[in-house]
Amino acid sequence: MLDINEHPENSRYEDELRSRKAIQARIRRNRHSGLNFEEEMFINSSRYLILHITVNYQRKYQNKMKINTIQDHRDLFLRQIKEYPNALLQMVRGIIWKLEEGDRSGLHLHLLIFYSAQRKSDVMVAQEIGEHWVNEVTHGRGDYWNTNANKKKLNRWGVGIGQVNRLDNLKRESLQAFIANYMAKANQIPRDRTEDDKLFGMRVFDRLR
């Protein structure tokens, strides 16, 4: 009978192979659900302001933040969108979010927001939402990056944020590429993450009820 302890290199290889397969399966699931979400959102409405904001914490607080802290802040933010009578947040129609941890950026959330096209300035709206994260969600400890104010950063996929119309195939394709290749990726996994911790999710906010 083979004693796997006699061949630890085989055990390590099998563990690495299982891990790679699990990551690839997670990426496929994220891509499928994210692209379906985008399609459904544009079935529901013909145009949006598409916002991409990365929210995290100021450097002096980063080492104090645990995964449950950013999860609590994420849940509070989503609850505020759904329940609070806030004029800024009530125009959010849907969100794709992803939780990561970087060596320099610490724990952070990528937020891809489908926002009502009644507002015209995507840069200003993204800034206001970032400031809401800083002041109302994290009580001054947060920070954010406004990708809408730096659209050149998206040249790899084309610009699929800002004003996006259902029939604008070029922007829709760029948005879909961003979802499939950036929002769905499965790297920068938080160090303290357990199997029960979701790192990718979506939410629709039905304002017609």
Protein backbone atom coordinates (compact mmCIF):
# COMPACT_ATOMS: atom_id res chain seq x y z
CA MET A 1 0.00 0.00 0.00
CA LEU A 2 1.27 3.46 -0.88
CA ASP A 3 2.06 5.62 2.13
CA ILE A 4 1.47 9.21 1.00
CA ASN A 5 3.74 10.39 3.82
CA GLU A 6 6.66 8.76 1.99
CA HIS A 7 6.04 11.10 -0.96
CA PRO A 8 5.27 14.54 0.48
CA GLU A 9 6.07 16.17 -2.87
CA ASN A 10 3.11 14.29 -4.41
CA SER A 11 0.82 15.49 -1.63
CA ARG A 12 1.96 19.10 -2.10
CA TYR A 13 1.46 18.83 -5.86
CA GLU A 14 -2.05 17.44 -5.43
CA ASP A 15 -2.93 20.19 -2.95
CA GLU A 16 -1.66 22.86 -5.35
CA LEU A 17 -3.55 21.28 -8.24
CA ARG A 18 -6.79 21.20 -6.25
CA SER A 19 -6.25 24.81 -5.23
CA ARG A 20 -5.69 25.94 -8.84
CA LYS A 21 -8.77 24.05 -10.00
CA ALA A 22 -10.87 25.62 -7.24
CA ILE A 23 -9.65 29.11 -8.20
CA GLN A 24 -10.40 28.54 -11.89
CA ALA A 25 -13.88 27.25 -11.02
CA ARG A 26 -14.48 30.34 -8.87
CA ILE A 27 -13.40 32.62 -11.71
CA ARG A 28 -15.78 30.88 -14.12
CA ARG A 29 -18.67 31.20 -11.67
CA ASN A 30 -17.91 34.87 -11.06
CA ARG A 31 -17.72 35.61 -14.79
CA HIS A 32 -20.96 33.81 -15.52
CA SER A 33 -22.92 35.47 -12.72
CA GLY A 34 -21.35 38.90 -13.31
CA LEU A 35 -22.09 38.93 -17.04
CA ASN A 36 -25.63 37.68 -16.46
CA PHE A 37 -26.10 40.48 -13.93
CA GLU A 38 -24.94 43.09 -16.46
CA GLU A 39 -27.34 41.72 -19.07
CA GLU A 40 -30.27 41.76 -16.65
CA MET A 41 -29.52 45.32 -15.56
CA PHE A 42 -29.67 46.57 -19.15
CA ILE A 43 -32.89 44.65 -19.74
CA ASN A 44 -34.36 46.57 -16.80
CA SER A 45 -33.15 49.99 -17.98
CA SER A 46 -31.77 51.42 -21.20
CA ARG A 47 -28.91 53.43 -19.66
CA TYR A 48 -26.92 53.96 -16.48
CA LEU A 49 -24.07 55.84 -15.01
CA ILE A 50 -21.55 53.04 -14.49
CA LEU A 51 -19.24 53.79 -11.57
CA HIS A 52 -16.15 51.94 -10.41
CA ILE A 53 -14.95 52.87 -6.94
CA THR A 54 -12.38 51.07 -4.80
CA VAL A 55 -12.98 51.64 -1.10
CA ASN A 56 -10.53 50.79 1.66
CA TYR A 57 -8.98 52.36 4.76
CA GLN A 58 -6.45 55.10 5.41
CA ARG A 59 -2.94 53.72 5.76
CA LYS A 60 -2.71 54.52 9.49
CA TYR A 61 -5.70 52.25 10.13
CA GLN A 62 -5.00 49.42 7.68
CA ASN A 63 -3.14 47.12 10.08
CA LYS A 64 -6.02 47.32 12.55
CA MET A 65 -8.65 46.22 10.05
CA LYS A 66 -9.73 42.56 9.93
CA ILE A 67 -11.85 40.85 7.35
CA ASN A 68 -14.91 40.97 9.59
CA THR A 69 -14.49 44.76 9.86
CA ILE A 70 -14.70 45.37 6.13
CA GLN A 71 -17.50 42.81 5.86
CA ASP A 72 -19.47 44.74 8.48
CA HIS A 73 -18.82 48.01 6.65
CA ARG A 74 -19.81 46.42 3.34
CA ASP A 75 -23.07 45.15 4.82
CA LEU A 76 -23.80 48.52 6.42
CA PHE A 77 -23.20 50.28 3.10
CA LEU A 78 -25.54 47.90 1.25
CA ARG A 79 -28.16 48.27 4.00
CA GLN A 80 -27.95 52.04 3.76
CA ILE A 81 -28.57 51.85 0.01
CA LYS A 82 -31.60 49.64 0.53
CA GLU A 83 -33.17 51.23 3.59
CA TYR A 84 -31.96 54.76 4.26
CA PRO A 85 -33.81 57.83 2.86
CA ASN A 86 -30.62 59.16 1.30
CA ALA A 87 -30.98 60.98 -2.03
CA LEU A 88 -27.49 59.94 -3.18
CA LEU A 89 -27.84 56.25 -2.39
CA GLN A 90 -31.44 55.88 -3.50
CA MET A 91 -30.33 56.26 -7.12
CA VAL A 92 -28.15 53.15 -6.93
CA ARG A 93 -29.81 50.45 -9.04
CA GLY A 94 -27.37 47.60 -8.65
CA ILE A 95 -23.86 46.67 -7.48
CA ILE A 96 -21.24 44.05 -8.21
CA TRP A 97 -18.70 43.92 -5.37
CA LYS A 98 -15.43 42.10 -4.81
CA LEU A 99 -13.41 41.85 -1.59
CA GLU A 100 -9.60 41.68 -1.80
CA GLU A 101 -6.47 42.32 0.25
CA GLY A 102 -3.31 43.88 -1.23
CA ASP A 103 0.14 44.23 0.27
CA ARG A 104 0.00 48.03 -0.02
CA SER A 105 -3.73 48.72 -0.22
CA GLY A 106 -4.79 46.39 2.58
CA LEU A 107 -8.35 45.11 2.70
CA HIS A 108 -10.46 46.77 0.03
CA LEU A 109 -13.69 46.47 -1.91
CA HIS A 110 -14.14 47.01 -5.62
CA LEU A 111 -17.62 48.41 -6.27
CA LEU A 112 -19.06 48.38 -9.80
CA ILE A 113 -22.21 50.45 -9.45
CA PHE A 114 -25.15 50.77 -11.84
CA TYR A 115 -26.45 54.24 -11.03
CA SER A 116 -29.51 56.10 -12.29
CA ALA A 117 -28.77 58.07 -15.48
CA GLN A 118 -30.83 60.97 -14.09
CA ARG A 119 -27.50 62.24 -12.75
CA LYS A 120 -25.09 63.30 -15.51
CA SER A 121 -21.65 63.63 -13.91
CA ASP A 122 -20.29 60.16 -13.19
CA VAL A 123 -17.07 61.60 -11.73
CA MET A 124 -18.97 63.70 -9.20
CA VAL A 125 -21.36 60.90 -8.21
CA ALA A 126 -18.48 58.46 -7.70
CA GLN A 127 -16.72 61.05 -5.53
CA GLU A 128 -19.84 61.59 -3.43
CA ILE A 129 -20.24 57.86 -2.87
CA GLY A 130 -16.56 57.58 -1.93
CA GLU A 131 -16.99 60.39 0.58
CA HIS A 132 -20.06 58.65 1.96
CA TRP A 133 -17.92 55.55 2.57
CA VAL A 134 -15.33 57.66 4.39
CA ASN A 135 -17.70 59.71 6.53
CA GLU A 136 -20.91 57.73 7.00
CA VAL A 137 -19.77 54.11 6.80
CA THR A 138 -16.28 54.09 8.33
CA HIS A 139 -16.62 57.28 10.41
CA GLY A 140 -13.47 58.90 9.06
CA ARG A 141 -11.24 55.83 8.83
CA GLY A 142 -11.95 55.01 5.20
CA ASP A 143 -10.40 55.98 1.91
CA TYR A 144 -11.32 55.45 -1.74
CA TRP A 145 -10.13 55.56 -5.35
CA ASN A 146 -12.41 57.11 -7.97
CA THR A 147 -11.75 55.25 -11.23
CA ASN A 148 -14.30 57.41 -13.07
CA ALA A 149 -11.95 60.36 -12.58
CA ASN A 150 -9.08 58.30 -14.02
CA LYS A 151 -10.61 56.45 -16.97
CA LYS A 152 -7.24 56.03 -18.70
CA LYS A 153 -6.51 53.31 -16.16
CA LEU A 154 -9.03 51.13 -18.03
CA ASN A 155 -7.36 51.27 -21.44
CA ARG A 156 -6.65 47.55 -21.22
CA TRP A 157 -10.35 46.78 -21.70
CA GLY A 158 -11.65 50.03 -23.18
CA VAL A 159 -13.78 52.48 -21.27
CA GLY A 160 -17.01 50.86 -20.13
CA ILE A 161 -17.77 53.23 -17.26
CA GLY A 162 -19.48 56.62 -17.22
CA GLN A 163 -22.61 57.08 -19.32
CA VAL A 164 -23.45 53.70 -20.87
CA ASN A 165 -26.45 53.10 -23.13
CA ARG A 166 -27.97 49.69 -23.76
CA LEU A 167 -27.33 50.02 -27.52
CA ASP A 168 -23.76 51.32 -27.21
CA ASN A 169 -22.05 48.09 -28.21
CA LEU A 170 -18.52 49.43 -27.82
CA LYS A 171 -19.03 50.56 -24.22
CA ARG A 172 -21.07 47.47 -23.36
CA GLU A 173 -18.31 45.20 -24.65
CA SER A 174 -15.72 47.15 -22.65
CA LEU A 175 -17.89 46.90 -19.53
CA GLN A 176 -18.33 43.16 -20.05
CA ALA A 177 -14.58 42.70 -20.53
CA PHE A 178 -13.96 44.61 -17.29
CA ILE A 179 -16.41 42.39 -15.42
CA ALA A 180 -15.03 39.16 -16.89
CA ASN A 181 -11.34 39.95 -16.56
CA TYR A 182 -11.12 42.25 -13.53
CA MET A 183 -14.15 41.97 -11.29
CA ALA A 184 -14.27 38.18 -11.66
CA LYS A 185 -10.59 37.51 -11.01
CA ALA A 186 -9.75 35.53 -7.89
CA ASN A 187 -6.44 36.87 -6.61
CA GLN A 188 -5.45 39.05 -3.66
CA ILE A 189 -7.44 36.71 -1.43
CA PRO A 190 -7.64 38.07 2.16
CA ARG A 191 -5.24 36.30 4.47
CA ASP A 192 -7.83 35.68 7.20
CA ARG A 193 -10.50 34.46 4.83
CA THR A 194 -12.37 31.25 5.66
CA GLU A 195 -14.42 29.10 3.33
CA ASP A 196 -17.57 30.82 4.61
CA ASP A 197 -16.40 34.31 3.62
CA LYS A 198 -17.85 35.51 0.32
CA LEU A 199 -15.43 37.49 -1.81
CA PHE A 200 -17.73 38.30 -4.73
CA GLY A 201 -21.39 39.25 -4.85
CA MET A 202 -24.15 41.24 -6.53
CA ARG A 203 -27.20 43.14 -5.37
CA VAL A 204 -30.17 44.67 -7.17
CA PHE A 205 -32.06 47.54 -5.56
CA ASP A 206 -35.64 47.68 -6.81
CA ARG A 207 -36.81 51.28 -6.43
CA LEU A 208 -40.22 50.65 -7.98
CA ARG A 209 -41.64 48.95 -4.89
